[in-house]
Amino acid sequence: MGFERVCRRLLEYGILAPSVYNTQPWKFLVDGQKGIIEVRADFSRTRSREIDEKQRDLYLALGACVESMILAAPALGYEVELSMFTNERVVASLKLKPMTETLPESLFTSLLIRQTHAGFYKENSVQELHLERLRNVPAFSARERLHFLNSEKDREKLISLLHDLSHEEAGNSTLVEEAVHWIKPQPDALEGLLLRCLGLPVSIKMRFAFLRHFSYAREIKEVARQALLKQGHGAEAPAYLLMTTQMPERESYFNAGRWYIRLALTLSEIELGAQVLHLPTTLKRAHPSLLKLFKASHAEEPVLLLRFGQPADKKWPKTYRQPLFEKLIDA
């Protein structure tokens, strides 16, 4: 019996996983006869080593992609045997095994509705029961930990830090050029972040729409700069989550990505939105301040910073994904 159809279905769920700037840095090699999916990194779609020396964001995305498929498999009547980093090319290998009965994971239904919310959140929309729900999502390794921040005083300190970082780095040419590459003004782009999904002021969008015909390069750079500034303006939220690791290497980042997608799906399940603020974790100099604010150990490395709460506008625009056939590798 072949597994071609179920493999394709799993991949359709896998590519819905989040990735920084919606880079979608994955490739797949499928053996439909044996029911094996190999997941490989697409290094042409990653952040530069200058920005992300250890390729943390790459492995976070790949972990989220793999875990999405693992969550989807039981709903299709299969369980997954996972092997990680079997060689230099293969990040993960998933082998399908038929189950005696179909037992969907509780988070399965959230796979199709999860999305990033870069807009405003309602104040006081995160309660202790929500935090407890997140704390109960198990990690995949004892090295990764969660820290929460939701008191008004601590949130003000974090916003002050984010404000300063965004202003200092909005002129960083390397970060601006990266954003320029992945921000897409066209409304139907299948990769990167659509301009309308950045949560920028209407004045910035109108300026770009009008002036791009005269000076596209300059105006798209201004949009990129504003996107970086946005991580310090309008980044207020009822609660924040910091994920850390005690082992900053690819296996730990991969497991963090698996945990992240389960946390994100849990937030969707309890009707809360979330957005990753990647600037503070990208900048090493911000790490000590983050760890201090979240009362984490200095032996930990910040991996992921989330703002979350109930979206003020639930109709936030979705981003799109590249067609699956563009992600398949010929054997």
C-alpha atoms as a PDB file:
ATOM      1  CA  MET A   1       0.000   0.000   0.000  1.00  0.00           C
ATOM      2  CA  GLY A   2       1.372   3.418  -0.934  1.00  0.00           C
ATOM      3  CA  PHE A   3       1.413   6.456   1.327  1.00  0.00           C
ATOM      4  CA  GLU A   4       1.576   9.150  -1.363  1.00  0.00           C
ATOM      5  CA  ARG A   5      -1.784  10.721  -0.593  1.00  0.00           C
ATOM      6  CA  VAL A   6      -1.393  10.880   3.191  1.00  0.00           C
ATOM      7  CA  CYS A   7       2.161  12.224   2.852  1.00  0.00           C
ATOM      8  CA  ARG A   8       0.878  15.042   0.705  1.00  0.00           C
ATOM      9  CA  ARG A   9      -1.894  15.808   3.193  1.00  0.00           C
ATOM     10  CA  LEU A  10       0.636  15.987   6.028  1.00  0.00           C
ATOM     11  CA  LEU A  11       2.874  18.314   4.054  1.00  0.00           C
ATOM     12  CA  GLU A  12      -0.068  20.614   3.419  1.00  0.00           C
ATOM     13  CA  TYR A  13      -0.369  21.026   7.188  1.00  0.00           C
ATOM     14  CA  GLY A  14       3.383  21.252   7.700  1.00  0.00           C
ATOM     15  CA  ILE A  15       3.866  24.240   5.406  1.00  0.00           C
ATOM     16  CA  LEU A  16       1.327  26.230   7.432  1.00  0.00           C
ATOM     17  CA  ALA A  17       3.911  26.512  10.217  1.00  0.00           C
ATOM     18  CA  PRO A  18       5.172  29.993  11.137  1.00  0.00           C
ATOM     19  CA  SER A  19       8.637  31.222  10.172  1.00  0.00           C
ATOM     20  CA  VAL A  20      10.413  34.529  10.645  1.00  0.00           C
ATOM     21  CA  TYR A  21       9.322  36.920   7.857  1.00  0.00           C
ATOM     22  CA  ASN A  22       7.301  33.972   6.461  1.00  0.00           C
ATOM     23  CA  THR A  23      10.496  32.693   4.828  1.00  0.00           C
ATOM     24  CA  GLN A  24       9.236  29.072   4.687  1.00  0.00           C
ATOM     25  CA  PRO A  25      12.791  27.592   4.868  1.00  0.00           C
ATOM     26  CA  TRP A  26      11.905  23.942   4.269  1.00  0.00           C
ATOM     27  CA  LYS A  27      12.289  21.328   1.561  1.00  0.00           C
ATOM     28  CA  PHE A  28      10.825  17.817   1.495  1.00  0.00           C
ATOM     29  CA  LEU A  29      11.873  14.490   0.011  1.00  0.00           C
ATOM     30  CA  VAL A  30       9.005  11.992   0.025  1.00  0.00           C
ATOM     31  CA  ASP A  31       9.127   8.208  -0.320  1.00  0.00           C
ATOM     32  CA  GLY A  32       5.461   7.492  -0.934  1.00  0.00           C
ATOM     33  CA  GLN A  33       5.930   3.723  -0.969  1.00  0.00           C
ATOM     34  CA  LYS A  34       7.599   3.501   2.435  1.00  0.00           C
ATOM     35  CA  GLY A  35       5.714   6.395   4.002  1.00  0.00           C
ATOM     36  CA  ILE A  36       8.805   8.447   4.820  1.00  0.00           C
ATOM     37  CA  ILE A  37       9.098  12.225   4.696  1.00  0.00           C
ATOM     38  CA  GLU A  38      12.540  13.807   4.951  1.00  0.00           C
ATOM     39  CA  VAL A  39      12.603  17.447   6.044  1.00  0.00           C
ATOM     40  CA  ARG A  40      15.602  19.485   4.931  1.00  0.00           C
ATOM     41  CA  ALA A  41      16.643  23.074   5.457  1.00  0.00           C
ATOM     42  CA  ASP A  42      16.454  25.467   2.525  1.00  0.00           C
ATOM     43  CA  PHE A  43      19.481  27.621   3.305  1.00  0.00           C
ATOM     44  CA  SER A  44      18.603  29.987   0.467  1.00  0.00           C
ATOM     45  CA  ARG A  45      15.668  31.200   2.549  1.00  0.00           C
ATOM     46  CA  THR A  46      17.329  31.812   5.911  1.00  0.00           C
ATOM     47  CA  ARG A  47      18.549  34.870   7.759  1.00  0.00           C
ATOM     48  CA  SER A  48      22.181  35.771   7.145  1.00  0.00           C
ATOM     49  CA  ARG A  49      24.810  34.490   9.584  1.00  0.00           C
ATOM     50  CA  GLU A  50      25.552  38.114  10.392  1.00  0.00           C
ATOM     51  CA  ILE A  51      22.047  38.450  11.824  1.00  0.00           C
ATOM     52  CA  ASP A  52      21.437  34.903  13.095  1.00  0.00           C
ATOM     53  CA  GLU A  53      24.825  33.281  13.611  1.00  0.00           C
ATOM     54  CA  LYS A  54      23.511  29.904  14.809  1.00  0.00           C
ATOM     55  CA  GLN A  55      20.501  29.858  12.460  1.00  0.00           C
ATOM     56  CA  ARG A  56      18.167  29.747  15.453  1.00  0.00           C
ATOM     57  CA  ASP A  57      15.156  31.036  13.499  1.00  0.00           C
ATOM     58  CA  LEU A  58      15.712  28.417  10.791  1.00  0.00           C
ATOM     59  CA  TYR A  59      15.519  25.519  13.235  1.00  0.00           C
ATOM     60  CA  LEU A  60      12.593  27.090  15.107  1.00  0.00           C
ATOM     61  CA  ALA A  61      10.646  27.112  11.826  1.00  0.00           C
ATOM     62  CA  LEU A  62      11.641  23.555  10.918  1.00  0.00           C
ATOM     63  CA  GLY A  63      10.640  22.302  14.365  1.00  0.00           C
ATOM     64  CA  ALA A  64       7.245  23.995  14.029  1.00  0.00           C
ATOM     65  CA  CYS A  65       6.800  22.497  10.556  1.00  0.00           C
ATOM     66  CA  VAL A  66       7.601  18.954  11.728  1.00  0.00           C
ATOM     67  CA  GLU A  67       5.393  19.202  14.815  1.00  0.00           C
ATOM     68  CA  SER A  68       2.487  20.431  12.684  1.00  0.00           C
ATOM     69  CA  MET A  69       2.711  17.215  10.660  1.00  0.00           C
ATOM     70  CA  ILE A  70       2.981  15.108  13.811  1.00  0.00           C
ATOM     71  CA  LEU A  71      -0.168  16.761  15.158  1.00  0.00           C
ATOM     72  CA  ALA A  72      -2.041  16.185  11.897  1.00  0.00           C
ATOM     73  CA  ALA A  73      -1.068  12.518  11.432  1.00  0.00           C
ATOM     74  CA  PRO A  74      -3.478  10.914  13.988  1.00  0.00           C
ATOM     75  CA  ALA A  75      -6.454  12.663  12.356  1.00  0.00           C
ATOM     76  CA  LEU A  76      -5.503  10.865   9.140  1.00  0.00           C
ATOM     77  CA  GLY A  77      -5.134   7.515  10.912  1.00  0.00           C
ATOM     78  CA  TYR A  78      -1.358   7.451  11.349  1.00  0.00           C
ATOM     79  CA  GLU A  79       1.260   7.915  14.001  1.00  0.00           C
ATOM     80  CA  VAL A  80       4.753   9.227  13.290  1.00  0.00           C
ATOM     81  CA  GLU A  81       8.131   7.801  14.206  1.00  0.00           C
ATOM     82  CA  LEU A  82      10.484  10.806  14.316  1.00  0.00           C
ATOM     83  CA  SER A  83      14.248  10.770  13.785  1.00  0.00           C
ATOM     84  CA  MET A  84      16.177  14.042  14.114  1.00  0.00           C
ATOM     85  CA  PHE A  85      19.423  15.106  12.439  1.00  0.00           C
ATOM     86  CA  THR A  86      20.208  11.693  10.994  1.00  0.00           C
ATOM     87  CA  ASN A  87      22.848  13.248   8.718  1.00  0.00           C
ATOM     88  CA  GLU A  88      24.087  16.673   7.642  1.00  0.00           C
ATOM     89  CA  ARG A  89      21.324  17.127   5.062  1.00  0.00           C
ATOM     90  CA  VAL A  90      18.289  15.711   6.884  1.00  0.00           C
ATOM     91  CA  VAL A  91      16.907  17.776   9.753  1.00  0.00           C
ATOM     92  CA  ALA A  92      14.111  15.304  10.496  1.00  0.00           C
ATOM     93  CA  SER A  93      12.720  12.070   9.099  1.00  0.00           C
ATOM     94  CA  LEU A  94       9.068  11.110   9.665  1.00  0.00           C
ATOM     95  CA  LYS A  95       8.009   7.496   9.137  1.00  0.00           C
ATOM     96  CA  LEU A  96       4.267   6.823   9.017  1.00  0.00           C
ATOM     97  CA  LYS A  97       2.688   3.913  10.843  1.00  0.00           C
ATOM     98  CA  PRO A  98      -1.043   3.080  10.518  1.00  0.00           C
ATOM     99  CA  MET A  99      -3.137   3.322  13.697  1.00  0.00           C
ATOM    100  CA  THR A 100      -5.918   0.922  14.565  1.00  0.00           C
ATOM    101  CA  GLU A 101      -8.318   3.853  14.934  1.00  0.00           C
ATOM    102  CA  THR A 102      -8.345   7.553  14.105  1.00  0.00           C
ATOM    103  CA  LEU A 103      -7.650   9.642  17.216  1.00  0.00           C
ATOM    104  CA  PRO A 104      -7.235  13.336  16.318  1.00  0.00           C
ATOM    105  CA  GLU A 105      -4.988  15.434  18.567  1.00  0.00           C
ATOM    106  CA  SER A 106      -6.890  18.137  20.436  1.00  0.00           C
ATOM    107  CA  LEU A 107      -4.822  20.874  18.760  1.00  0.00           C
ATOM    108  CA  PHE A 108      -5.433  19.509  15.259  1.00  0.00           C
ATOM    109  CA  THR A 109      -8.446  21.746  14.617  1.00  0.00           C
ATOM    110  CA  SER A 110      -6.346  24.862  15.326  1.00  0.00           C
ATOM    111  CA  LEU A 111      -3.827  24.131  12.564  1.00  0.00           C
ATOM    112  CA  LEU A 112      -5.958  25.790   9.896  1.00  0.00           C
ATOM    113  CA  ILE A 113      -6.963  28.853  11.927  1.00  0.00           C
ATOM    114  CA  ARG A 114      -3.675  29.804  13.606  1.00  0.00           C
ATOM    115  CA  GLN A 115      -2.333  33.123  12.412  1.00  0.00           C
ATOM    116  CA  THR A 116      -0.148  35.964  13.614  1.00  0.00           C
ATOM    117  CA  HIS A 117      -1.893  39.041  15.021  1.00  0.00           C
ATOM    118  CA  ALA A 118       0.302  42.124  14.639  1.00  0.00           C
ATOM    119  CA  GLY A 119      -2.467  44.501  15.677  1.00  0.00           C
ATOM    120  CA  PHE A 120      -3.757  45.717  19.016  1.00  0.00           C
ATOM    121  CA  TYR A 121      -4.876  43.505  21.890  1.00  0.00           C
ATOM    122  CA  LYS A 122      -7.590  44.136  24.425  1.00  0.00           C
ATOM    123  CA  GLU A 123      -6.275  45.128  27.843  1.00  0.00           C
ATOM    124  CA  ASN A 124      -6.884  42.624  30.681  1.00  0.00           C
ATOM    125  CA  SER A 125      -7.790  39.895  28.187  1.00  0.00           C
ATOM    126  CA  VAL A 126      -5.258  37.398  29.586  1.00  0.00           C
ATOM    127  CA  GLN A 127      -6.196  35.739  32.876  1.00  0.00           C
ATOM    128  CA  GLU A 128      -4.341  33.340  35.146  1.00  0.00           C
ATOM    129  CA  LEU A 129      -6.309  30.414  33.698  1.00  0.00           C
ATOM    130  CA  HIS A 130      -4.870  31.258  30.259  1.00  0.00           C
ATOM    131  CA  LEU A 131      -1.316  31.311  31.632  1.00  0.00           C
ATOM    132  CA  GLU A 132      -1.918  28.011  33.407  1.00  0.00           C
ATOM    133  CA  ARG A 133      -3.134  26.474  30.152  1.00  0.00           C
ATOM    134  CA  LEU A 134       0.137  27.499  28.486  1.00  0.00           C
ATOM    135  CA  ARG A 135       2.237  26.246  31.400  1.00  0.00           C
ATOM    136  CA  ASN A 136       0.617  22.838  30.971  1.00  0.00           C
ATOM    137  CA  VAL A 137       1.813  22.484  27.365  1.00  0.00           C
ATOM    138  CA  PRO A 138       4.747  20.078  27.827  1.00  0.00           C
ATOM    139  CA  ALA A 139       8.211  20.845  26.504  1.00  0.00           C
ATOM    140  CA  PHE A 140      10.191  18.397  24.364  1.00  0.00           C
ATOM    141  CA  SER A 141      13.359  18.858  26.388  1.00  0.00           C
ATOM    142  CA  ALA A 142      14.220  19.817  29.962  1.00  0.00           C
ATOM    143  CA  ARG A 143      16.585  22.454  28.581  1.00  0.00           C
ATOM    144  CA  GLU A 144      13.812  24.746  27.287  1.00  0.00           C
ATOM    145  CA  ARG A 145      11.791  26.866  29.684  1.00  0.00           C
ATOM    146  CA  LEU A 146       8.923  29.361  29.644  1.00  0.00           C
ATOM    147  CA  HIS A 147       8.790  32.655  31.517  1.00  0.00           C
ATOM    148  CA  PHE A 148       5.754  34.937  31.646  1.00  0.00           C
ATOM    149  CA  LEU A 149       5.396  38.649  32.219  1.00  0.00           C
ATOM    150  CA  ASN A 150       1.997  40.234  32.789  1.00  0.00           C
ATOM    151  CA  SER A 151       2.223  42.743  35.654  1.00  0.00           C
ATOM    152  CA  GLU A 152       1.686  46.346  34.600  1.00  0.00           C
ATOM    153  CA  LYS A 153       5.022  47.485  36.042  1.00  0.00           C
ATOM    154  CA  ASP A 154       7.042  44.795  34.262  1.00  0.00           C
ATOM    155  CA  ARG A 155       5.173  45.300  30.999  1.00  0.00           C
ATOM    156  CA  GLU A 156       6.047  49.002  31.081  1.00  0.00           C
ATOM    157  CA  LYS A 157       9.719  48.125  31.542  1.00  0.00           C
ATOM    158  CA  LEU A 158       9.598  45.684  28.619  1.00  0.00           C
ATOM    159  CA  ILE A 159       7.868  48.204  26.353  1.00  0.00           C
ATOM    160  CA  SER A 160      10.521  50.773  27.256  1.00  0.00           C
ATOM    161  CA  LEU A 161      13.233  48.264  26.306  1.00  0.00           C
ATOM    162  CA  LEU A 162      11.472  47.399  23.018  1.00  0.00           C
ATOM    163  CA  HIS A 163      11.016  51.091  22.233  1.00  0.00           C
ATOM    164  CA  ASP A 164      14.716  51.828  22.679  1.00  0.00           C
ATOM    165  CA  LEU A 165      15.838  48.755  20.725  1.00  0.00           C
ATOM    166  CA  SER A 166      13.557  49.500  17.782  1.00  0.00           C
ATOM    167  CA  HIS A 167      14.768  53.086  17.502  1.00  0.00           C
ATOM    168  CA  GLU A 168      18.416  52.078  17.778  1.00  0.00           C
ATOM    169  CA  GLU A 169      18.098  49.335  15.159  1.00  0.00           C
ATOM    170  CA  ALA A 170      15.762  51.050  12.688  1.00  0.00           C
ATOM    171  CA  GLY A 171      18.896  52.485  11.115  1.00  0.00           C
ATOM    172  CA  ASN A 172      20.736  49.151  11.018  1.00  0.00           C
ATOM    173  CA  SER A 173      21.335  48.675   7.292  1.00  0.00           C
ATOM    174  CA  THR A 174      21.667  44.885   7.559  1.00  0.00           C
ATOM    175  CA  LEU A 175      18.323  44.512   9.327  1.00  0.00           C
ATOM    176  CA  VAL A 176      16.634  47.011   7.031  1.00  0.00           C
ATOM    177  CA  GLU A 177      17.880  45.246   3.884  1.00  0.00           C
ATOM    178  CA  GLU A 178      16.658  41.905   5.242  1.00  0.00           C
ATOM    179  CA  ALA A 179      13.213  43.371   5.854  1.00  0.00           C
ATOM    180  CA  VAL A 180      13.217  44.945   2.373  1.00  0.00           C
ATOM    181  CA  HIS A 181      13.825  41.502   0.869  1.00  0.00           C
ATOM    182  CA  TRP A 182      10.921  39.818   2.671  1.00  0.00           C
ATOM    183  CA  ILE A 183       8.272  42.551   2.846  1.00  0.00           C
ATOM    184  CA  LYS A 184       5.914  42.184  -0.128  1.00  0.00           C
ATOM    185  CA  PRO A 185       3.705  45.124  -1.233  1.00  0.00           C
ATOM    186  CA  GLN A 186       1.676  42.969  -3.657  1.00  0.00           C
ATOM    187  CA  PRO A 187      -1.522  41.621  -2.012  1.00  0.00           C
ATOM    188  CA  ASP A 188      -1.168  38.029  -3.230  1.00  0.00           C
ATOM    189  CA  ALA A 189       2.513  37.222  -2.535  1.00  0.00           C
ATOM    190  CA  LEU A 190       3.058  33.573  -1.597  1.00  0.00           C
ATOM    191  CA  GLU A 191       6.126  34.254   0.533  1.00  0.00           C
ATOM    192  CA  GLY A 192       7.371  36.915   2.899  1.00  0.00           C
ATOM    193  CA  LEU A 193       5.159  39.324   4.823  1.00  0.00           C
ATOM    194  CA  LEU A 194       2.464  41.269   3.046  1.00  0.00           C
ATOM    195  CA  LEU A 195       2.662  44.993   3.721  1.00  0.00           C
ATOM    196  CA  ARG A 196      -0.960  44.970   4.868  1.00  0.00           C
ATOM    197  CA  CYS A 197      -0.080  42.371   7.541  1.00  0.00           C
ATOM    198  CA  LEU A 198       2.544  44.493   9.293  1.00  0.00           C
ATOM    199  CA  GLY A 199       0.141  46.618  11.314  1.00  0.00           C
ATOM    200  CA  LEU A 200       1.680  49.849  10.024  1.00  0.00           C
ATOM    201  CA  PRO A 201      -0.160  53.188  10.192  1.00  0.00           C
ATOM    202  CA  VAL A 202      -2.429  53.998   7.255  1.00  0.00           C
ATOM    203  CA  SER A 203      -0.270  57.075   6.532  1.00  0.00           C
ATOM    204  CA  ILE A 204       2.759  54.861   5.824  1.00  0.00           C
ATOM    205  CA  LYS A 205       0.756  52.576   3.530  1.00  0.00           C
ATOM    206  CA  MET A 206      -0.704  55.529   1.616  1.00  0.00           C
ATOM    207  CA  ARG A 207       2.698  57.147   1.259  1.00  0.00           C
ATOM    208  CA  PHE A 208       4.158  53.947  -0.173  1.00  0.00           C
ATOM    209  CA  ALA A 209       1.201  53.442  -2.521  1.00  0.00           C
ATOM    210  CA  PHE A 210       1.646  56.948  -3.902  1.00  0.00           C
ATOM    211  CA  LEU A 211       5.421  57.371  -3.973  1.00  0.00           C
ATOM    212  CA  ARG A 212       6.588  53.879  -4.958  1.00  0.00           C
ATOM    213  CA  HIS A 213       6.085  54.775  -8.624  1.00  0.00           C
ATOM    214  CA  PHE A 214       8.648  57.556  -8.269  1.00  0.00           C
ATOM    215  CA  SER A 215      11.150  56.066  -5.806  1.00  0.00           C
ATOM    216  CA  TYR A 216      10.403  52.433  -5.059  1.00  0.00           C
ATOM    217  CA  ALA A 217      13.774  51.561  -3.484  1.00  0.00           C
ATOM    218  CA  ARG A 218      13.672  54.457  -1.048  1.00  0.00           C
ATOM    219  CA  GLU A 219      10.020  53.952  -0.084  1.00  0.00           C
ATOM    220  CA  ILE A 220      10.295  50.195   0.519  1.00  0.00           C
ATOM    221  CA  LYS A 221      13.280  50.898   2.768  1.00  0.00           C
ATOM    222  CA  GLU A 222      11.131  53.328   4.720  1.00  0.00           C
ATOM    223  CA  VAL A 223       8.459  50.631   5.068  1.00  0.00           C
ATOM    224  CA  ALA A 224      11.135  48.217   6.341  1.00  0.00           C
ATOM    225  CA  ARG A 225      12.370  50.810   8.817  1.00  0.00           C
ATOM    226  CA  GLN A 226       8.832  51.402  10.035  1.00  0.00           C
ATOM    227  CA  ALA A 227       8.341  47.646  10.431  1.00  0.00           C
ATOM    228  CA  LEU A 228      11.361  47.530  12.735  1.00  0.00           C
ATOM    229  CA  LEU A 229      10.068  50.545  14.651  1.00  0.00           C
ATOM    230  CA  LYS A 230       6.725  48.754  15.017  1.00  0.00           C
ATOM    231  CA  GLN A 231       8.383  46.277  17.373  1.00  0.00           C
ATOM    232  CA  GLY A 232       8.724  49.122  19.851  1.00  0.00           C
ATOM    233  CA  HIS A 233       5.512  51.014  19.035  1.00  0.00           C
ATOM    234  CA  GLY A 234       2.156  49.283  19.276  1.00  0.00           C
ATOM    235  CA  ALA A 235       3.828  46.248  20.827  1.00  0.00           C
ATOM    236  CA  GLU A 236       1.804  46.564  24.019  1.00  0.00           C
ATOM    237  CA  ALA A 237      -0.019  43.419  25.108  1.00  0.00           C
ATOM    238  CA  PRO A 238      -1.726  42.027  28.205  1.00  0.00           C
ATOM    239  CA  ALA A 239       0.990  39.360  28.534  1.00  0.00           C
ATOM    240  CA  TYR A 240       4.340  38.268  27.138  1.00  0.00           C
ATOM    241  CA  LEU A 241       6.049  34.896  26.951  1.00  0.00           C
ATOM    242  CA  LEU A 242       9.797  34.326  26.772  1.00  0.00           C
ATOM    243  CA  MET A 243      11.099  30.891  25.800  1.00  0.00           C
ATOM    244  CA  THR A 244      14.709  30.170  26.711  1.00  0.00           C
ATOM    245  CA  THR A 245      17.163  27.334  26.330  1.00  0.00           C
ATOM    246  CA  GLN A 246      20.165  26.198  28.334  1.00  0.00           C
ATOM    247  CA  MET A 247      21.712  24.594  25.256  1.00  0.00           C
ATOM    248  CA  PRO A 248      21.905  27.081  22.360  1.00  0.00           C
ATOM    249  CA  GLU A 249      22.368  24.703  19.432  1.00  0.00           C
ATOM    250  CA  ARG A 250      20.282  23.372  16.557  1.00  0.00           C
ATOM    251  CA  GLU A 251      18.681  20.403  18.400  1.00  0.00           C
ATOM    252  CA  SER A 252      17.467  22.693  21.165  1.00  0.00           C
ATOM    253  CA  TYR A 253      16.165  25.302  18.711  1.00  0.00           C
ATOM    254  CA  PHE A 254      14.359  22.547  16.803  1.00  0.00           C
ATOM    255  CA  ASN A 255      12.664  21.305  19.991  1.00  0.00           C
ATOM    256  CA  ALA A 256      11.821  24.904  20.880  1.00  0.00           C
ATOM    257  CA  GLY A 257      10.093  25.223  17.497  1.00  0.00           C
ATOM    258  CA  ARG A 258       8.047  22.098  18.198  1.00  0.00           C
ATOM    259  CA  TRP A 259       7.011  23.556  21.547  1.00  0.00           C
ATOM    260  CA  TYR A 260       6.297  26.943  20.010  1.00  0.00           C
ATOM    261  CA  ILE A 261       3.749  25.606  17.511  1.00  0.00           C
ATOM    262  CA  ARG A 262       1.898  23.774  20.283  1.00  0.00           C
ATOM    263  CA  LEU A 263       1.824  26.976  22.343  1.00  0.00           C
ATOM    264  CA  ALA A 264       0.632  28.991  19.338  1.00  0.00           C
ATOM    265  CA  LEU A 265      -2.105  26.470  18.581  1.00  0.00           C
ATOM    266  CA  THR A 266      -3.151  26.448  22.220  1.00  0.00           C
ATOM    267  CA  LEU A 267      -3.485  30.231  22.095  1.00  0.00           C
ATOM    268  CA  SER A 268      -5.678  29.899  18.999  1.00  0.00           C
ATOM    269  CA  GLU A 269      -7.753  27.237  20.726  1.00  0.00           C
ATOM    270  CA  ILE A 270      -8.506  29.587  23.639  1.00  0.00           C
ATOM    271  CA  GLU A 271      -9.175  32.450  21.180  1.00  0.00           C
ATOM    272  CA  LEU A 272      -6.081  34.485  21.938  1.00  0.00           C
ATOM    273  CA  GLY A 273      -3.786  35.906  19.279  1.00  0.00           C
ATOM    274  CA  ALA A 274       0.002  36.102  19.345  1.00  0.00           C
ATOM    275  CA  GLN A 275       2.898  37.769  17.568  1.00  0.00           C
ATOM    276  CA  VAL A 276       6.614  36.964  17.677  1.00  0.00           C
ATOM    277  CA  LEU A 277       8.835  39.965  18.419  1.00  0.00           C
ATOM    278  CA  HIS A 278      12.056  38.799  16.804  1.00  0.00           C
ATOM    279  CA  LEU A 279      14.195  41.922  17.283  1.00  0.00           C
ATOM    280  CA  PRO A 280      15.036  41.426  21.012  1.00  0.00           C
ATOM    281  CA  THR A 281      16.096  37.797  20.535  1.00  0.00           C
ATOM    282  CA  THR A 282      18.094  38.679  17.421  1.00  0.00           C
ATOM    283  CA  LEU A 283      20.188  41.253  19.310  1.00  0.00           C
ATOM    284  CA  LYS A 284      22.573  39.577  21.750  1.00  0.00           C
ATOM    285  CA  ARG A 285      23.078  42.801  23.650  1.00  0.00           C
ATOM    286  CA  ALA A 286      19.368  42.740  24.566  1.00  0.00           C
ATOM    287  CA  HIS A 287      19.546  39.258  26.089  1.00  0.00           C
ATOM    288  CA  PRO A 288      20.728  40.253  29.601  1.00  0.00           C
ATOM    289  CA  SER A 289      17.908  42.796  29.909  1.00  0.00           C
ATOM    290  CA  LEU A 290      15.316  40.279  28.696  1.00  0.00           C
ATOM    291  CA  LEU A 291      16.498  37.613  31.123  1.00  0.00           C
ATOM    292  CA  LYS A 292      16.431  40.079  34.008  1.00  0.00           C
ATOM    293  CA  LEU A 293      12.928  41.322  33.177  1.00  0.00           C
ATOM    294  CA  PHE A 294      11.540  37.787  32.917  1.00  0.00           C
ATOM    295  CA  LYS A 295      13.492  36.657  36.009  1.00  0.00           C
ATOM    296  CA  ALA A 296      15.325  33.974  34.037  1.00  0.00           C
ATOM    297  CA  SER A 297      18.792  32.623  34.749  1.00  0.00           C
ATOM    298  CA  HIS A 298      21.819  34.149  33.031  1.00  0.00           C
ATOM    299  CA  ALA A 299      22.705  30.602  31.959  1.00  0.00           C
ATOM    300  CA  GLU A 300      19.692  30.655  29.612  1.00  0.00           C
ATOM    301  CA  GLU A 301      19.520  32.079  26.095  1.00  0.00           C
ATOM    302  CA  PRO A 302      16.355  33.856  24.892  1.00  0.00           C
ATOM    303  CA  VAL A 303      14.935  31.915  21.954  1.00  0.00           C
ATOM    304  CA  LEU A 304      11.453  33.312  21.395  1.00  0.00           C
ATOM    305  CA  LEU A 305       9.524  36.362  22.609  1.00  0.00           C
ATOM    306  CA  LEU A 306       5.731  36.390  22.150  1.00  0.00           C
ATOM    307  CA  ARG A 307       3.190  39.079  22.854  1.00  0.00           C
ATOM    308  CA  PHE A 308      -0.330  37.737  23.213  1.00  0.00           C
ATOM    309  CA  GLY A 309      -3.890  38.579  24.161  1.00  0.00           C
ATOM    310  CA  GLN A 310      -7.367  38.859  22.691  1.00  0.00           C
ATOM    311  CA  PRO A 311      -7.129  40.704  19.352  1.00  0.00           C
ATOM    312  CA  ALA A 312      -9.069  43.952  19.154  1.00  0.00           C
ATOM    313  CA  ASP A 313      -9.741  43.073  15.509  1.00  0.00           C
ATOM    314  CA  LYS A 314     -10.187  39.364  14.809  1.00  0.00           C
ATOM    315  CA  LYS A 315     -10.236  39.905  11.044  1.00  0.00           C
ATOM    316  CA  TRP A 316      -6.497  40.357  10.772  1.00  0.00           C
ATOM    317  CA  PRO A 317      -5.244  39.524   7.234  1.00  0.00           C
ATOM    318  CA  LYS A 318      -3.575  36.168   6.718  1.00  0.00           C
ATOM    319  CA  THR A 319      -0.252  35.485   5.051  1.00  0.00           C
ATOM    320  CA  TYR A 320       0.069  32.912   2.292  1.00  0.00           C
ATOM    321  CA  ARG A 321       2.329  29.945   1.539  1.00  0.00           C
ATOM    322  CA  GLN A 322       4.207  28.795  -1.536  1.00  0.00           C
ATOM    323  CA  PRO A 323       2.623  25.883  -3.418  1.00  0.00           C
ATOM    324  CA  LEU A 324       3.670  22.518  -2.052  1.00  0.00           C
ATOM    325  CA  PHE A 325       5.160  21.362  -5.367  1.00  0.00           C
ATOM    326  CA  GLU A 326       7.778  24.106  -5.090  1.00  0.00           C
ATOM    327  CA  LYS A 327       8.973  22.583  -1.803  1.00  0.00           C
ATOM    328  CA  LEU A 328       9.411  19.009  -3.035  1.00  0.00           C
ATOM    329  CA  ILE A 329      12.830  17.581  -3.903  1.00  0.00           C
ATOM    330  CA  ASP A 330      13.118  15.060  -6.705  1.00  0.00           C
ATOM    331  CA  ALA A 331      14.617  11.806  -5.479  1.00  0.00           C
END
